[in-house]
Amino acid sequence: MVRCKWSLSIFEQISQGINRPGQIQKSIDGLSTKVMNQCLRKHLEYAILDRRQFPEIPPRVEYGITPFGKKFIRTLEAIHDLDAEIRSGK
């Protein structure tokens, strides 16, 4: 569903309050503008993220995590924790 290897990094940044596209890109090494925009668009489509555009000059855009996105991210974190537990042999 996510189809973007950068998704978890992007979710993490937005969760930490880094919610503007330029800030997100600068905080993730190796993430290009094109790939970041594709990934953000995909998450908007699936209602994991929402986009707020402010009527300012210069224009300002911020991304946030929707209520569904919070549930989705908690599920991903649970899967990650389970995988780590299995790999450690507990």
N, C-alpha and C. Protein backbone atom coordinates (compact mmCIF):
# COMPACT_ATOMS: atom_id res chain seq x y z
N MET A 1 0.82 -1.20 0.00
CA MET A 1 0.00 0.00 0.00
C MET A 1 0.86 1.26 0.00
N VAL A 2 1.91 1.25 0.75
CA VAL A 2 2.70 2.47 0.89
C VAL A 2 3.61 2.68 -0.31
N ARG A 3 4.31 1.65 -0.76
CA ARG A 3 5.15 1.67 -1.96
C ARG A 3 6.19 2.79 -2.01
N CYS A 4 6.70 3.17 -0.90
CA CYS A 4 7.73 4.19 -0.86
C CYS A 4 8.68 3.85 0.28
N LYS A 5 9.94 3.60 -0.04
CA LYS A 5 10.87 3.20 1.02
C LYS A 5 11.13 4.33 2.01
N TRP A 6 10.72 5.52 1.65
CA TRP A 6 10.93 6.68 2.51
C TRP A 6 9.76 6.94 3.46
N SER A 7 8.70 6.18 3.33
CA SER A 7 7.47 6.45 4.09
C SER A 7 7.70 6.54 5.59
N LEU A 8 8.35 5.55 6.16
CA LEU A 8 8.54 5.55 7.61
C LEU A 8 9.36 6.75 8.06
N SER A 9 10.37 7.11 7.28
CA SER A 9 11.18 8.29 7.63
C SER A 9 10.33 9.56 7.56
N ILE A 10 9.50 9.66 6.55
CA ILE A 10 8.63 10.83 6.41
C ILE A 10 7.63 10.88 7.56
N PHE A 11 7.01 9.74 7.89
CA PHE A 11 6.06 9.70 9.01
C PHE A 11 6.75 10.14 10.30
N GLU A 12 7.97 9.66 10.51
CA GLU A 12 8.71 9.99 11.72
C GLU A 12 8.96 11.50 11.81
N GLN A 13 9.38 12.10 10.71
CA GLN A 13 9.65 13.54 10.70
C GLN A 13 8.38 14.33 11.00
N ILE A 14 7.28 13.96 10.35
CA ILE A 14 6.02 14.69 10.56
C ILE A 14 5.56 14.51 12.00
N SER A 15 5.73 13.32 12.56
CA SER A 15 5.36 13.07 13.96
C SER A 15 6.15 13.95 14.92
N GLN A 16 7.38 14.28 14.52
CA GLN A 16 8.25 15.10 15.35
C GLN A 16 8.07 16.60 15.10
N GLY A 17 7.08 16.96 14.28
CA GLY A 17 6.80 18.37 14.04
C GLY A 17 7.51 18.96 12.83
N ILE A 18 8.25 18.15 12.11
CA ILE A 18 8.89 18.62 10.87
C ILE A 18 7.88 18.36 9.77
N ASN A 19 7.09 19.39 9.43
CA ASN A 19 5.92 19.16 8.58
C ASN A 19 5.89 19.96 7.28
N ARG A 20 6.92 20.74 7.02
CA ARG A 20 6.98 21.47 5.76
C ARG A 20 7.87 20.71 4.78
N PRO A 21 7.49 20.68 3.51
CA PRO A 21 8.23 19.86 2.54
C PRO A 21 9.74 20.10 2.52
N GLY A 22 10.16 21.35 2.54
CA GLY A 22 11.59 21.66 2.52
C GLY A 22 12.30 21.12 3.75
N GLN A 23 11.65 21.23 4.90
CA GLN A 23 12.23 20.72 6.15
C GLN A 23 12.33 19.19 6.11
N ILE A 24 11.27 18.56 5.60
CA ILE A 24 11.26 17.10 5.53
C ILE A 24 12.41 16.62 4.65
N GLN A 25 12.55 17.22 3.48
CA GLN A 25 13.59 16.79 2.55
C GLN A 25 14.97 16.99 3.15
N LYS A 26 15.22 18.13 3.78
CA LYS A 26 16.54 18.41 4.36
C LYS A 26 16.87 17.47 5.51
N SER A 27 15.85 16.97 6.20
CA SER A 27 16.09 16.14 7.38
C SER A 27 16.31 14.66 7.05
N ILE A 28 16.09 14.27 5.78
CA ILE A 28 16.25 12.87 5.38
C ILE A 28 17.30 12.80 4.28
N ASP A 29 18.47 12.30 4.62
CA ASP A 29 19.56 12.18 3.64
C ASP A 29 19.17 11.26 2.50
N GLY A 30 19.40 11.72 1.27
CA GLY A 30 19.16 10.89 0.09
C GLY A 30 17.77 11.01 -0.50
N LEU A 31 16.87 11.72 0.16
CA LEU A 31 15.49 11.88 -0.32
C LEU A 31 15.43 13.03 -1.33
N SER A 32 15.04 12.74 -2.56
CA SER A 32 14.93 13.78 -3.58
C SER A 32 13.56 14.44 -3.51
N THR A 33 13.46 15.63 -4.06
CA THR A 33 12.20 16.36 -4.08
C THR A 33 11.14 15.58 -4.83
N LYS A 34 11.50 15.02 -5.97
CA LYS A 34 10.55 14.29 -6.79
C LYS A 34 9.97 13.09 -6.04
N VAL A 35 10.84 12.30 -5.43
CA VAL A 35 10.38 11.11 -4.71
C VAL A 35 9.57 11.50 -3.48
N MET A 36 10.01 12.53 -2.77
CA MET A 36 9.27 13.00 -1.60
C MET A 36 7.85 13.42 -2.00
N ASN A 37 7.72 14.19 -3.09
CA ASN A 37 6.41 14.64 -3.53
C ASN A 37 5.52 13.47 -3.95
N GLN A 38 6.10 12.48 -4.63
CA GLN A 38 5.33 11.29 -5.01
C GLN A 38 4.83 10.56 -3.77
N CYS A 39 5.70 10.41 -2.81
CA CYS A 39 5.37 9.72 -1.57
C CYS A 39 4.28 10.49 -0.80
N LEU A 40 4.43 11.79 -0.67
CA LEU A 40 3.43 12.60 0.03
C LEU A 40 2.07 12.51 -0.68
N ARG A 41 2.08 12.58 -2.01
CA ARG A 41 0.82 12.47 -2.77
C ARG A 41 0.13 11.15 -2.51
N LYS A 42 0.90 10.07 -2.51
CA LYS A 42 0.34 8.73 -2.27
C LYS A 42 -0.29 8.65 -0.87
N HIS A 43 0.36 9.24 0.11
CA HIS A 43 -0.18 9.20 1.48
C HIS A 43 -1.40 10.11 1.63
N LEU A 44 -1.48 11.14 0.84
CA LEU A 44 -2.68 11.97 0.82
C LEU A 44 -3.85 11.17 0.23
N GLU A 45 -3.57 10.44 -0.85
CA GLU A 45 -4.59 9.61 -1.49
C GLU A 45 -5.19 8.60 -0.53
N TYR A 46 -4.33 7.98 0.29
CA TYR A 46 -4.77 6.95 1.23
C TYR A 46 -5.26 7.54 2.55
N ALA A 47 -5.30 8.86 2.65
CA ALA A 47 -5.77 9.57 3.85
C ALA A 47 -4.92 9.27 5.08
N ILE A 48 -3.63 9.00 4.85
CA ILE A 48 -2.70 8.82 5.96
C ILE A 48 -2.21 10.19 6.42
N LEU A 49 -2.02 11.08 5.46
CA LEU A 49 -1.60 12.45 5.73
C LEU A 49 -2.65 13.43 5.23
N ASP A 50 -2.63 14.62 5.83
CA ASP A 50 -3.44 15.70 5.28
C ASP A 50 -2.51 16.87 4.95
N ARG A 51 -2.99 17.74 4.09
CA ARG A 51 -2.18 18.86 3.60
C ARG A 51 -2.90 20.15 3.92
N ARG A 52 -2.18 21.06 4.54
CA ARG A 52 -2.74 22.38 4.85
C ARG A 52 -1.97 23.43 4.07
N GLN A 53 -2.71 24.21 3.30
CA GLN A 53 -2.09 25.27 2.51
C GLN A 53 -2.54 26.60 3.11
N PHE A 54 -1.59 27.48 3.37
CA PHE A 54 -1.88 28.76 3.99
C PHE A 54 -1.84 29.86 2.94
N PRO A 55 -2.82 30.77 2.97
CA PRO A 55 -2.88 31.86 1.98
C PRO A 55 -1.90 32.98 2.32
N GLU A 56 -0.63 32.68 2.16
CA GLU A 56 0.43 33.64 2.49
C GLU A 56 1.33 33.83 1.29
N ILE A 57 2.13 34.86 1.34
CA ILE A 57 3.14 35.07 0.32
C ILE A 57 4.46 35.15 1.05
N PRO A 58 5.40 34.28 0.79
CA PRO A 58 5.32 33.14 -0.12
C PRO A 58 4.38 32.07 0.43
N PRO A 59 3.84 31.22 -0.46
CA PRO A 59 2.91 30.18 -0.03
C PRO A 59 3.57 29.23 0.97
N ARG A 60 2.77 28.76 1.92
CA ARG A 60 3.27 27.82 2.92
C ARG A 60 2.35 26.59 2.93
N VAL A 61 2.98 25.42 2.92
CA VAL A 61 2.25 24.15 2.96
C VAL A 61 2.79 23.33 4.12
N GLU A 62 1.90 22.71 4.87
CA GLU A 62 2.30 21.82 5.96
C GLU A 62 1.52 20.52 5.85
N TYR A 63 2.16 19.45 6.25
CA TYR A 63 1.53 18.12 6.25
C TYR A 63 1.33 17.68 7.68
N GLY A 64 0.26 16.94 7.90
CA GLY A 64 -0.02 16.38 9.21
C GLY A 64 -0.52 14.96 9.06
N ILE A 65 -0.55 14.27 10.17
CA ILE A 65 -1.02 12.89 10.18
C ILE A 65 -2.49 12.88 10.57
N THR A 66 -3.30 12.21 9.77
CA THR A 66 -4.74 12.12 10.02
C THR A 66 -5.00 11.12 11.16
N PRO A 67 -6.21 11.11 11.72
CA PRO A 67 -6.53 10.09 12.73
C PRO A 67 -6.33 8.67 12.19
N PHE A 68 -6.74 8.43 10.93
CA PHE A 68 -6.50 7.12 10.32
C PHE A 68 -5.01 6.86 10.21
N GLY A 69 -4.25 7.89 9.83
CA GLY A 69 -2.80 7.76 9.71
C GLY A 69 -2.15 7.37 11.02
N LYS A 70 -2.64 7.92 12.13
CA LYS A 70 -2.09 7.57 13.45
C LYS A 70 -2.31 6.09 13.74
N LYS A 71 -3.50 5.59 13.42
CA LYS A 71 -3.78 4.15 13.61
C LYS A 71 -2.88 3.32 12.71
N PHE A 72 -2.73 3.76 11.47
CA PHE A 72 -1.91 3.05 10.50
C PHE A 72 -0.45 2.99 10.97
N ILE A 73 0.06 4.10 11.45
CA ILE A 73 1.45 4.16 11.91
C ILE A 73 1.64 3.29 13.15
N ARG A 74 0.66 3.29 14.06
CA ARG A 74 0.75 2.41 15.24
C ARG A 74 0.82 0.94 14.81
N THR A 75 0.06 0.59 13.77
CA THR A 75 0.10 -0.78 13.26
C THR A 75 1.48 -1.10 12.68
N LEU A 76 2.05 -0.17 11.92
CA LEU A 76 3.39 -0.38 11.37
C LEU A 76 4.42 -0.54 12.48
N GLU A 77 4.29 0.28 13.53
CA GLU A 77 5.22 0.20 14.66
C GLU A 77 5.09 -1.15 15.38
N ALA A 78 3.86 -1.65 15.52
CA ALA A 78 3.64 -2.94 16.16
C ALA A 78 4.28 -4.06 15.34
N ILE A 79 4.15 -3.98 14.03
CA ILE A 79 4.78 -4.97 13.15
C ILE A 79 6.30 -4.90 13.29
N HIS A 80 6.83 -3.70 13.32
CA HIS A 80 8.28 -3.52 13.48
C HIS A 80 8.75 -4.11 14.81
N ASP A 81 8.02 -3.83 15.89
CA ASP A 81 8.39 -4.36 17.21
C ASP A 81 8.33 -5.88 17.23
N LEU A 82 7.31 -6.45 16.61
CA LEU A 82 7.19 -7.90 16.54
C LEU A 82 8.35 -8.50 15.76
N ASP A 83 8.71 -7.88 14.64
CA ASP A 83 9.83 -8.36 13.84
C ASP A 83 11.13 -8.31 14.66
N ALA A 84 11.34 -7.22 15.39
CA ALA A 84 12.55 -7.08 16.20
C ALA A 84 12.58 -8.15 17.30
N GLU A 85 11.43 -8.42 17.89
CA GLU A 85 11.35 -9.45 18.93
C GLU A 85 11.67 -10.82 18.35
N ILE A 86 11.14 -11.12 17.18
CA ILE A 86 11.40 -12.42 16.54
C ILE A 86 12.88 -12.54 16.18
N ARG A 87 13.44 -11.50 15.66
CA ARG A 87 14.86 -11.54 15.25
C ARG A 87 15.80 -11.68 16.44
N SER A 88 15.40 -11.13 17.58
CA SER A 88 16.27 -11.23 18.77
C SER A 88 16.12 -12.58 19.47
N GLY A 89 15.12 -13.37 19.04
CA GLY A 89 14.94 -14.71 19.58
C GLY A 89 14.18 -14.77 20.88
N LYS A 90 13.45 -13.74 21.23
CA LYS A 90 12.68 -13.74 22.49
C LYS A 90 11.35 -14.42 22.33
